[in-house]
Amino acid sequence: MCLGIPARITGIADAAAMLAEVDVHGVRREVDVLCVAPPDAPLEDLIGSWVLVHVGFAMSRISEPEARATLALLAEMGELHEELTAMQDTGKAGGSHAVQ
C-alpha cells in the first residue's frame, strides 16, 4: 500500500529545483516541495514544518499534532515500518529524490 507519510522538513537541498530534505523516524530523503512552498517567501521558511509526503512530493502542510497522531496510527497498524522500508529502498536504488 502506498500512503502519504508525515515528515518534518529539515533543510533545503536545492532551492532552484524546489527540493527539501525531510526526516521520518531517522529516514532522510529529498522531496519536491513545489505544492507547499510559500509563494512570496524563501523556501527556508519551510524548515521545521510538517508535510504529508507521497511518492517524493510534499503534498500538503500539516500540524505537528496531526503528524504525530498519524505516525502513531500508522505504527499501530503496522504500515509505518513498511513505508519506511520502501523509502529506504528507494534511496538505495538511486532514486532521483534520494538523499545520499
PDB file of N, CA and C in Angstrom:
ATOM      1  N   MET A   1       0.848  -1.166   0.000  1.00  0.00           N
ATOM      2  CA  MET A   1       0.000   0.000   0.000  1.00  0.00           C
ATOM      3  C   MET A   1       0.897   1.233   0.000  1.00  0.00           C
ATOM      4  N   CYS A   2       0.488   2.219  -0.715  1.00  0.00           N
ATOM      5  CA  CYS A   2       1.266   3.448  -0.797  1.00  0.00           C
ATOM      6  C   CYS A   2       0.496   4.552  -0.071  1.00  0.00           C
ATOM      7  N   LEU A   3       1.110   5.100   0.961  1.00  0.00           N
ATOM      8  CA  LEU A   3       0.456   6.093   1.800  1.00  0.00           C
ATOM      9  C   LEU A   3       1.198   7.411   1.778  1.00  0.00           C
ATOM     10  N   GLY A   4       0.509   8.460   2.155  1.00  0.00           N
ATOM     11  CA  GLY A   4       1.175   9.715   2.432  1.00  0.00           C
ATOM     12  C   GLY A   4       1.708   9.630   3.846  1.00  0.00           C
ATOM     13  N   ILE A   5       2.972   9.952   4.039  1.00  0.00           N
ATOM     14  CA  ILE A   5       3.633   9.817   5.333  1.00  0.00           C
ATOM     15  C   ILE A   5       3.995  11.199   5.863  1.00  0.00           C
ATOM     16  N   PRO A   6       3.673  11.494   7.116  1.00  0.00           N
ATOM     17  CA  PRO A   6       4.105  12.768   7.699  1.00  0.00           C
ATOM     18  C   PRO A   6       5.627  12.815   7.835  1.00  0.00           C
ATOM     19  N   ALA A   7       6.195  13.941   7.447  1.00  0.00           N
ATOM     20  CA  ALA A   7       7.637  14.134   7.541  1.00  0.00           C
ATOM     21  C   ALA A   7       7.915  15.580   7.930  1.00  0.00           C
ATOM     22  N   ARG A   8       9.042  15.790   8.606  1.00  0.00           N
ATOM     23  CA  ARG A   8       9.434  17.134   9.015  1.00  0.00           C
ATOM     24  C   ARG A   8      10.534  17.634   8.095  1.00  0.00           C
ATOM     25  N   ILE A   9      10.375  18.823   7.566  1.00  0.00           N
ATOM     26  CA  ILE A   9      11.385  19.415   6.689  1.00  0.00           C
ATOM     27  C   ILE A   9      12.569  19.860   7.543  1.00  0.00           C
ATOM     28  N   THR A  10      13.752  19.347   7.206  1.00  0.00           N
ATOM     29  CA  THR A  10      14.950  19.632   7.995  1.00  0.00           C
ATOM     30  C   THR A  10      15.922  20.565   7.293  1.00  0.00           C
ATOM     31  N   GLY A  11      15.754  20.758   6.005  1.00  0.00           N
ATOM     32  CA  GLY A  11      16.655  21.635   5.272  1.00  0.00           C
ATOM     33  C   GLY A  11      16.237  21.770   3.824  1.00  0.00           C
ATOM     34  N   ILE A  12      16.888  22.701   3.146  1.00  0.00           N
ATOM     35  CA  ILE A  12      16.640  22.905   1.724  1.00  0.00           C
ATOM     36  C   ILE A  12      17.822  22.297   0.972  1.00  0.00           C
ATOM     37  N   ALA A  13      17.538  21.331   0.119  1.00  0.00           N
ATOM     38  CA  ALA A  13      18.584  20.646  -0.633  1.00  0.00           C
ATOM     39  C   ALA A  13      18.971  21.418  -1.888  1.00  0.00           C
ATOM     40  N   ASP A  14      17.979  21.942  -2.601  1.00  0.00           N
ATOM     41  CA  ASP A  14      18.224  22.672  -3.841  1.00  0.00           C
ATOM     42  C   ASP A  14      17.032  23.606  -4.085  1.00  0.00           C
ATOM     43  N   ALA A  15      17.198  24.866  -3.726  1.00  0.00           N
ATOM     44  CA  ALA A  15      16.099  25.831  -3.831  1.00  0.00           C
ATOM     45  C   ALA A  15      15.639  26.003  -5.279  1.00  0.00           C
ATOM     46  N   ALA A  16      16.565  26.033  -6.215  1.00  0.00           N
ATOM     47  CA  ALA A  16      16.205  26.222  -7.619  1.00  0.00           C
ATOM     48  C   ALA A  16      15.348  25.068  -8.143  1.00  0.00           C
ATOM     49  N   ALA A  17      15.609  23.865  -7.653  1.00  0.00           N
ATOM     50  CA  ALA A  17      14.850  22.684  -8.074  1.00  0.00           C
ATOM     51  C   ALA A  17      13.656  22.414  -7.156  1.00  0.00           C
ATOM     52  N   MET A  18      13.463  23.282  -6.152  1.00  0.00           N
ATOM     53  CA  MET A  18      12.355  23.143  -5.192  1.00  0.00           C
ATOM     54  C   MET A  18      12.442  21.832  -4.413  1.00  0.00           C
ATOM     55  N   LEU A  19      13.652  21.451  -3.995  1.00  0.00           N
ATOM     56  CA  LEU A  19      13.857  20.220  -3.243  1.00  0.00           C
ATOM     57  C   LEU A  19      14.248  20.532  -1.797  1.00  0.00           C
ATOM     58  N   ALA A  20      13.595  19.846  -0.880  1.00  0.00           N
ATOM     59  CA  ALA A  20      13.916  19.973   0.537  1.00  0.00           C
ATOM     60  C   ALA A  20      14.250  18.591   1.090  1.00  0.00           C
ATOM     61  N   GLU A  21      15.002  18.580   2.184  1.00  0.00           N
ATOM     62  CA  GLU A  21      15.294  17.326   2.871  1.00  0.00           C
ATOM     63  C   GLU A  21      14.278  17.160   3.988  1.00  0.00           C
ATOM     64  N   VAL A  22      13.716  15.942   4.090  1.00  0.00           N
ATOM     65  CA  VAL A  22      12.774  15.639   5.153  1.00  0.00           C
ATOM     66  C   VAL A  22      13.286  14.460   5.975  1.00  0.00           C
ATOM     67  N   ASP A  23      12.741  14.342   7.172  1.00  0.00           N
ATOM     68  CA  ASP A  23      13.093  13.257   8.079  1.00  0.00           C
ATOM     69  C   ASP A  23      11.820  12.597   8.581  1.00  0.00           C
ATOM     70  N   VAL A  24      11.803  11.267   8.492  1.00  0.00           N
ATOM     71  CA  VAL A  24      10.715  10.465   9.055  1.00  0.00           C
ATOM     72  C   VAL A  24      11.372   9.367   9.886  1.00  0.00           C
ATOM     73  N   HIS A  25      11.318   9.490  11.179  1.00  0.00           N
ATOM     74  CA  HIS A  25      11.906   8.480  12.077  1.00  0.00           C
ATOM     75  C   HIS A  25      13.338   8.120  11.693  1.00  0.00           C
ATOM     76  N   GLY A  26      14.139   9.105  11.363  1.00  0.00           N
ATOM     77  CA  GLY A  26      15.541   8.868  11.024  1.00  0.00           C
ATOM     78  C   GLY A  26      15.810   8.566   9.566  1.00  0.00           C
ATOM     79  N   VAL A  27      14.784   8.338   8.779  1.00  0.00           N
ATOM     80  CA  VAL A  27      14.956   8.135   7.342  1.00  0.00           C
ATOM     81  C   VAL A  27      14.909   9.513   6.688  1.00  0.00           C
ATOM     82  N   ARG A  28      15.979   9.854   5.988  1.00  0.00           N
ATOM     83  CA  ARG A  28      16.060  11.153   5.333  1.00  0.00           C
ATOM     84  C   ARG A  28      16.058  10.973   3.830  1.00  0.00           C
ATOM     85  N   ARG A  29      15.361  11.899   3.185  1.00  0.00           N
ATOM     86  CA  ARG A  29      15.361  11.895   1.720  1.00  0.00           C
ATOM     87  C   ARG A  29      14.967  13.268   1.228  1.00  0.00           C
ATOM     88  N   GLU A  30      15.174  13.485  -0.044  1.00  0.00           N
ATOM     89  CA  GLU A  30      14.775  14.739  -0.662  1.00  0.00           C
ATOM     90  C   GLU A  30      13.379  14.582  -1.251  1.00  0.00           C
ATOM     91  N   VAL A  31      12.590  15.639  -1.116  1.00  0.00           N
ATOM     92  CA  VAL A  31      11.252  15.651  -1.700  1.00  0.00           C
ATOM     93  C   VAL A  31      11.033  16.980  -2.410  1.00  0.00           C
ATOM     94  N   ASP A  32      10.175  16.946  -3.388  1.00  0.00           N
ATOM     95  CA  ASP A  32       9.778  18.140  -4.118  1.00  0.00           C
ATOM     96  C   ASP A  32       8.766  18.906  -3.267  1.00  0.00           C
ATOM     97  N   VAL A  33       9.002  20.204  -3.060  1.00  0.00           N
ATOM     98  CA  VAL A  33       8.124  20.999  -2.191  1.00  0.00           C
ATOM     99  C   VAL A  33       7.326  22.050  -2.958  1.00  0.00           C
ATOM    100  N   LEU A  34       7.228  21.902  -4.261  1.00  0.00           N
ATOM    101  CA  LEU A  34       6.503  22.878  -5.076  1.00  0.00           C
ATOM    102  C   LEU A  34       5.066  23.082  -4.590  1.00  0.00           C
ATOM    103  N   CYS A  35       4.398  22.015  -4.193  1.00  0.00           N
ATOM    104  CA  CYS A  35       2.987  22.106  -3.772  1.00  0.00           C
ATOM    105  C   CYS A  35       2.796  22.828  -2.435  1.00  0.00           C
ATOM    106  N   VAL A  36       3.841  22.913  -1.617  1.00  0.00           N
ATOM    107  CA  VAL A  36       3.694  23.506  -0.287  1.00  0.00           C
ATOM    108  C   VAL A  36       4.530  24.771  -0.098  1.00  0.00           C
ATOM    109  N   ALA A  37       5.263  25.154  -1.112  1.00  0.00           N
ATOM    110  CA  ALA A  37       6.151  26.318  -0.997  1.00  0.00           C
ATOM    111  C   ALA A  37       5.347  27.603  -0.864  1.00  0.00           C
ATOM    112  N   PRO A  38       5.746  28.470   0.063  1.00  0.00           N
ATOM    113  CA  PRO A  38       5.067  29.769   0.181  1.00  0.00           C
ATOM    114  C   PRO A  38       5.346  30.604  -1.067  1.00  0.00           C
ATOM    115  N   PRO A  39       4.341  31.234  -1.645  1.00  0.00           N
ATOM    116  CA  PRO A  39       4.516  31.925  -2.928  1.00  0.00           C
ATOM    117  C   PRO A  39       5.476  33.117  -2.891  1.00  0.00           C
ATOM    118  N   ASP A  40       5.498  33.861  -1.814  1.00  0.00           N
ATOM    119  CA  ASP A  40       6.328  35.064  -1.759  1.00  0.00           C
ATOM    120  C   ASP A  40       7.312  35.039  -0.605  1.00  0.00           C
ATOM    121  N   ALA A  41       7.814  33.845  -0.268  1.00  0.00           N
ATOM    122  CA  ALA A  41       8.754  33.718   0.840  1.00  0.00           C
ATOM    123  C   ALA A  41       9.840  32.714   0.454  1.00  0.00           C
ATOM    124  N   PRO A  42      10.998  32.807   1.091  1.00  0.00           N
ATOM    125  CA  PRO A  42      12.065  31.845   0.779  1.00  0.00           C
ATOM    126  C   PRO A  42      11.694  30.436   1.242  1.00  0.00           C
ATOM    127  N   LEU A  43      12.232  29.450   0.544  1.00  0.00           N
ATOM    128  CA  LEU A  43      11.960  28.056   0.920  1.00  0.00           C
ATOM    129  C   LEU A  43      12.423  27.751   2.342  1.00  0.00           C
ATOM    130  N   GLU A  44      13.414  28.479   2.812  1.00  0.00           N
ATOM    131  CA  GLU A  44      13.922  28.262   4.163  1.00  0.00           C
ATOM    132  C   GLU A  44      12.817  28.423   5.207  1.00  0.00           C
ATOM    133  N   ASP A  45      11.758  29.157   4.873  1.00  0.00           N
ATOM    134  CA  ASP A  45      10.631  29.318   5.794  1.00  0.00           C
ATOM    135  C   ASP A  45       9.917  27.992   6.058  1.00  0.00           C
ATOM    136  N   LEU A  46      10.147  26.995   5.201  1.00  0.00           N
ATOM    137  CA  LEU A  46       9.520  25.681   5.384  1.00  0.00           C
ATOM    138  C   LEU A  46      10.241  24.818   6.420  1.00  0.00           C
ATOM    139  N   ILE A  47      11.490  25.148   6.739  1.00  0.00           N
ATOM    140  CA  ILE A  47      12.272  24.320   7.666  1.00  0.00           C
ATOM    141  C   ILE A  47      11.554  24.249   9.015  1.00  0.00           C
ATOM    142  N   GLY A  48      11.370  23.023   9.479  1.00  0.00           N
ATOM    143  CA  GLY A  48      10.658  22.782  10.721  1.00  0.00           C
ATOM    144  C   GLY A  48       9.191  22.448  10.512  1.00  0.00           C
ATOM    145  N   SER A  49       8.684  22.699   9.310  1.00  0.00           N
ATOM    146  CA  SER A  49       7.281  22.398   9.011  1.00  0.00           C
ATOM    147  C   SER A  49       7.089  20.900   8.818  1.00  0.00           C
ATOM    148  N   TRP A  50       5.878  20.457   9.113  1.00  0.00           N
ATOM    149  CA  TRP A  50       5.470  19.082   8.850  1.00  0.00           C
ATOM    150  C   TRP A  50       4.676  19.055   7.557  1.00  0.00           C
ATOM    151  N   VAL A  51       4.963  18.046   6.736  1.00  0.00           N
ATOM    152  CA  VAL A  51       4.275  17.890   5.457  1.00  0.00           C
ATOM    153  C   VAL A  51       3.852  16.440   5.284  1.00  0.00           C
ATOM    154  N   LEU A  52       2.898  16.232   4.412  1.00  0.00           N
ATOM    155  CA  LEU A  52       2.461  14.892   4.059  1.00  0.00           C
ATOM    156  C   LEU A  52       3.165  14.535   2.749  1.00  0.00           C
ATOM    157  N   VAL A  53       4.003  13.492   2.779  1.00  0.00           N
ATOM    158  CA  VAL A  53       4.823  13.113   1.623  1.00  0.00           C
ATOM    159  C   VAL A  53       4.239  11.879   0.945  1.00  0.00           C
ATOM    160  N   HIS A  54       4.121  11.969  -0.375  1.00  0.00           N
ATOM    161  CA  HIS A  54       3.644  10.845  -1.183  1.00  0.00           C
ATOM    162  C   HIS A  54       4.470  10.800  -2.460  1.00  0.00           C
ATOM    163  N   VAL A  55       5.066   9.662  -2.736  1.00  0.00           N
ATOM    164  CA  VAL A  55       5.900   9.404  -3.914  1.00  0.00           C
ATOM    165  C   VAL A  55       6.872  10.543  -4.239  1.00  0.00           C
ATOM    166  N   GLY A  56       7.577  11.019  -3.224  1.00  0.00           N
ATOM    167  CA  GLY A  56       8.618  12.018  -3.452  1.00  0.00           C
ATOM    168  C   GLY A  56       8.155  13.463  -3.502  1.00  0.00           C
ATOM    169  N   PHE A  57       6.890  13.708  -3.200  1.00  0.00           N
ATOM    170  CA  PHE A  57       6.354  15.063  -3.221  1.00  0.00           C
ATOM    171  C   PHE A  57       5.720  15.398  -1.878  1.00  0.00           C
ATOM    172  N   ALA A  58       5.989  16.588  -1.382  1.00  0.00           N
ATOM    173  CA  ALA A  58       5.274  17.099  -0.218  1.00  0.00           C
ATOM    174  C   ALA A  58       3.943  17.616  -0.749  1.00  0.00           C
ATOM    175  N   MET A  59       2.866  16.938  -0.397  1.00  0.00           N
ATOM    176  CA  MET A  59       1.554  17.237  -0.979  1.00  0.00           C
ATOM    177  C   MET A  59       0.802  18.318  -0.218  1.00  0.00           C
ATOM    178  N   SER A  60       0.998  18.396   1.100  1.00  0.00           N
ATOM    179  CA  SER A  60       0.308  19.406   1.898  1.00  0.00           C
ATOM    180  C   SER A  60       1.040  19.599   3.214  1.00  0.00           C
ATOM    181  N   ARG A  61       0.833  20.769   3.805  1.00  0.00           N
ATOM    182  CA  ARG A  61       1.380  21.043   5.126  1.00  0.00           C
ATOM    183  C   ARG A  61       0.367  20.570   6.158  1.00  0.00           C
ATOM    184  N   ILE A  62       0.866  20.009   7.266  1.00  0.00           N
ATOM    185  CA  ILE A  62       0.011  19.554   8.345  1.00  0.00           C
ATOM    186  C   ILE A  62       0.598  20.030   9.666  1.00  0.00           C
ATOM    187  N   SER A  63      -0.213  20.036  10.700  1.00  0.00           N
ATOM    188  CA  SER A  63       0.259  20.463  12.013  1.00  0.00           C
ATOM    189  C   SER A  63       1.094  19.355  12.650  1.00  0.00           C
ATOM    190  N   GLU A  64       1.939  19.741  13.602  1.00  0.00           N
ATOM    191  CA  GLU A  64       2.743  18.747  14.307  1.00  0.00           C
ATOM    192  C   GLU A  64       1.870  17.741  15.062  1.00  0.00           C
ATOM    193  N   PRO A  65       0.824  18.186  15.780  1.00  0.00           N
ATOM    194  CA  PRO A  65      -0.027  17.184  16.455  1.00  0.00           C
ATOM    195  C   PRO A  65      -0.664  16.199  15.470  1.00  0.00           C
ATOM    196  N   GLU A  66      -1.102  16.692  14.315  1.00  0.00           N
ATOM    197  CA  GLU A  66      -1.687  15.809  13.303  1.00  0.00           C
ATOM    198  C   GLU A  66      -0.629  14.830  12.779  1.00  0.00           C
ATOM    199  N   ALA A  67       0.591  15.317  12.557  1.00  0.00           N
ATOM    200  CA  ALA A  67       1.669  14.454  12.071  1.00  0.00           C
ATOM    201  C   ALA A  67       1.980  13.356  13.078  1.00  0.00           C
ATOM    202  N   ARG A  68       2.120  13.728  14.343  1.00  0.00           N
ATOM    203  CA  ARG A  68       2.444  12.736  15.370  1.00  0.00           C
ATOM    204  C   ARG A  68       1.311  11.719  15.553  1.00  0.00           C
ATOM    205  N   ALA A  69       0.070  12.183  15.509  1.00  0.00           N
ATOM    206  CA  ALA A  69      -1.066  11.267  15.633  1.00  0.00           C
ATOM    207  C   ALA A  69      -1.114  10.298  14.452  1.00  0.00           C
ATOM    208  N   THR A  70      -0.840  10.797  13.254  1.00  0.00           N
ATOM    209  CA  THR A  70      -0.847   9.945  12.063  1.00  0.00           C
ATOM    210  C   THR A  70       0.282   8.921  12.120  1.00  0.00           C
ATOM    211  N   LEU A  71       1.483   9.352  12.534  1.00  0.00           N
ATOM    212  CA  LEU A  71       2.605   8.421  12.659  1.00  0.00           C
ATOM    213  C   LEU A  71       2.302   7.336  13.690  1.00  0.00           C
ATOM    214  N   ALA A  72       1.682   7.718  14.804  1.00  0.00           N
ATOM    215  CA  ALA A  72       1.331   6.735  15.831  1.00  0.00           C
ATOM    216  C   ALA A  72       0.306   5.740  15.292  1.00  0.00           C
ATOM    217  N   LEU A  73      -0.677   6.226  14.564  1.00  0.00           N
ATOM    218  CA  LEU A  73      -1.701   5.351  13.987  1.00  0.00           C
ATOM    219  C   LEU A  73      -1.092   4.405  12.955  1.00  0.00           C
ATOM    220  N   LEU A  74      -0.218   4.919  12.115  1.00  0.00           N
ATOM    221  CA  LEU A  74       0.442   4.067  11.119  1.00  0.00           C
ATOM    222  C   LEU A  74       1.290   2.995  11.791  1.00  0.00           C
ATOM    223  N   ALA A  75       1.990   3.375  12.870  1.00  0.00           N
ATOM    224  CA  ALA A  75       2.801   2.403  13.597  1.00  0.00           C
ATOM    225  C   ALA A  75       1.908   1.327  14.209  1.00  0.00           C
ATOM    226  N   GLU A  76       0.781   1.740  14.762  1.00  0.00           N
ATOM    227  CA  GLU A  76      -0.154   0.795  15.359  1.00  0.00           C
ATOM    228  C   GLU A  76      -0.700  -0.175  14.314  1.00  0.00           C
ATOM    229  N   MET A  77      -0.947   0.322  13.126  1.00  0.00           N
ATOM    230  CA  MET A  77      -1.470  -0.520  12.045  1.00  0.00           C
ATOM    231  C   MET A  77      -0.383  -1.374  11.401  1.00  0.00           C
ATOM    232  N   GLY A  78       0.867  -1.104  11.703  1.00  0.00           N
ATOM    233  CA  GLY A  78       1.959  -1.855  11.095  1.00  0.00           C
ATOM    234  C   GLY A  78       2.372  -1.322   9.742  1.00  0.00           C
ATOM    235  N   GLU A  79       1.793  -0.214   9.310  1.00  0.00           N
ATOM    236  CA  GLU A  79       2.093   0.347   7.995  1.00  0.00           C
ATOM    237  C   GLU A  79       3.354   1.203   8.004  1.00  0.00           C
ATOM    238  N   LEU A  80       3.708   1.788   9.141  1.00  0.00           N
ATOM    239  CA  LEU A  80       4.839   2.709   9.185  1.00  0.00           C
ATOM    240  C   LEU A  80       6.137   2.006   8.802  1.00  0.00           C
ATOM    241  N   HIS A  81       6.371   0.835   9.355  1.00  0.00           N
ATOM    242  CA  HIS A  81       7.605   0.103   9.037  1.00  0.00           C
ATOM    243  C   HIS A  81       7.683  -0.196   7.542  1.00  0.00           C
ATOM    244  N   GLU A  82       6.570  -0.614   6.968  1.00  0.00           N
ATOM    245  CA  GLU A  82       6.530  -0.931   5.531  1.00  0.00           C
ATOM    246  C   GLU A  82       6.871   0.305   4.685  1.00  0.00           C
ATOM    247  N   GLU A  83       6.293   1.451   5.044  1.00  0.00           N
ATOM    248  CA  GLU A  83       6.544   2.672   4.282  1.00  0.00           C
ATOM    249  C   GLU A  83       7.970   3.168   4.473  1.00  0.00           C
ATOM    250  N   LEU A  84       8.511   3.081   5.687  1.00  0.00           N
ATOM    251  CA  LEU A  84       9.897   3.498   5.927  1.00  0.00           C
ATOM    252  C   LEU A  84      10.863   2.612   5.151  1.00  0.00           C
ATOM    253  N   THR A  85      10.593   1.325   5.105  1.00  0.00           N
ATOM    254  CA  THR A  85      11.427   0.398   4.333  1.00  0.00           C
ATOM    255  C   THR A  85      11.379   0.760   2.855  1.00  0.00           C
ATOM    256  N   ALA A  86      10.195   1.087   2.349  1.00  0.00           N
ATOM    257  CA  ALA A  86      10.072   1.480   0.939  1.00  0.00           C
ATOM    258  C   ALA A  86      10.866   2.753   0.669  1.00  0.00           C
ATOM    259  N   MET A  87      10.829   3.710   1.607  1.00  0.00           N
ATOM    260  CA  MET A  87      11.587   4.952   1.428  1.00  0.00           C
ATOM    261  C   MET A  87      13.085   4.662   1.401  1.00  0.00           C
ATOM    262  N   GLN A  88      13.549   3.780   2.292  1.00  0.00           N
ATOM    263  CA  GLN A  88      14.965   3.432   2.324  1.00  0.00           C
ATOM    264  C   GLN A  88      15.365   2.698   1.059  1.00  0.00           C
ATOM    265  N   ASP A  89      14.540   1.781   0.591  1.00  0.00           N
ATOM    266  CA  ASP A  89      14.842   1.028  -0.621  1.00  0.00           C
ATOM    267  C   ASP A  89      14.930   1.954  -1.826  1.00  0.00           C
ATOM    268  N   THR A  90      14.067   2.964  -1.886  1.00  0.00           N
ATOM    269  CA  THR A  90      14.120   3.937  -2.975  1.00  0.00           C
ATOM    270  C   THR A  90      15.455   4.659  -2.955  1.00  0.00           C
ATOM    271  N   GLY A  91      15.932   5.012  -1.767  1.00  0.00           N
ATOM    272  CA  GLY A  91      17.214   5.688  -1.634  1.00  0.00           C
ATOM    273  C   GLY A  91      18.368   4.814  -2.080  1.00  0.00           C
ATOM    274  N   LYS A  92      18.318   3.524  -1.758  1.00  0.00           N
ATOM    275  CA  LYS A  92      19.380   2.595  -2.153  1.00  0.00           C
ATOM    276  C   LYS A  92      19.398   2.360  -3.643  1.00  0.00           C
ATOM    277  N   ALA A  93      18.217   2.460  -4.262  1.00  0.00           N
ATOM    278  CA  ALA A  93      18.137   2.215  -5.694  1.00  0.00           C
ATOM    279  C   ALA A  93      18.601   3.423  -6.503  1.00  0.00           C
ATOM    280  N   GLY A  94      18.963   4.497  -5.794  1.00  0.00           N
ATOM    281  CA  GLY A  94      19.459   5.679  -6.501  1.00  0.00           C
ATOM    282  C   GLY A  94      18.358   6.497  -7.101  1.00  0.00           C
ATOM    283  N   GLY A  95      17.190   6.500  -6.472  1.00  0.00           N
ATOM    284  CA  GLY A  95      16.065   7.300  -6.964  1.00  0.00           C
ATOM    285  C   GLY A  95      16.432   8.759  -7.044  1.00  0.00           C
ATOM    286  N   SER A  96      15.746   9.483  -7.903  1.00  0.00           N
ATOM    287  CA  SER A  96      16.109  10.877  -8.161  1.00  0.00           C
ATOM    288  C   SER A  96      15.929  11.772  -6.944  1.00  0.00           C
ATOM    289  N   HIS A  97      15.149  11.339  -5.948  1.00  0.00           N
ATOM    290  CA  HIS A  97      14.923  12.177  -4.774  1.00  0.00           C
ATOM    291  C   HIS A  97      15.610  11.632  -3.539  1.00  0.00           C
ATOM    292  N   ALA A  98      16.515  10.674  -3.692  1.00  0.00           N
ATOM    293  CA  ALA A  98      17.147  10.058  -2.528  1.00  0.00           C
ATOM    294  C   ALA A  98      18.256  10.936  -1.980  1.00  0.00           C
ATOM    295  N   VAL A  99      18.366  10.977  -0.671  1.00  0.00           N
ATOM    296  CA  VAL A  99      19.473  11.672  -0.011  1.00  0.00           C
ATOM    297  C   VAL A  99      20.583  10.675   0.170  1.00  0.00           C
ATOM    298  N   GLN A 100      21.745  11.010  -0.255  1.00  0.00           N
ATOM    299  CA  GLN A 100      22.887  10.105  -0.128  1.00  0.00           C
ATOM    300  C   GLN A 100      23.626  10.347   1.154  1.00  0.00           C
TER     301      GLN A 100
END
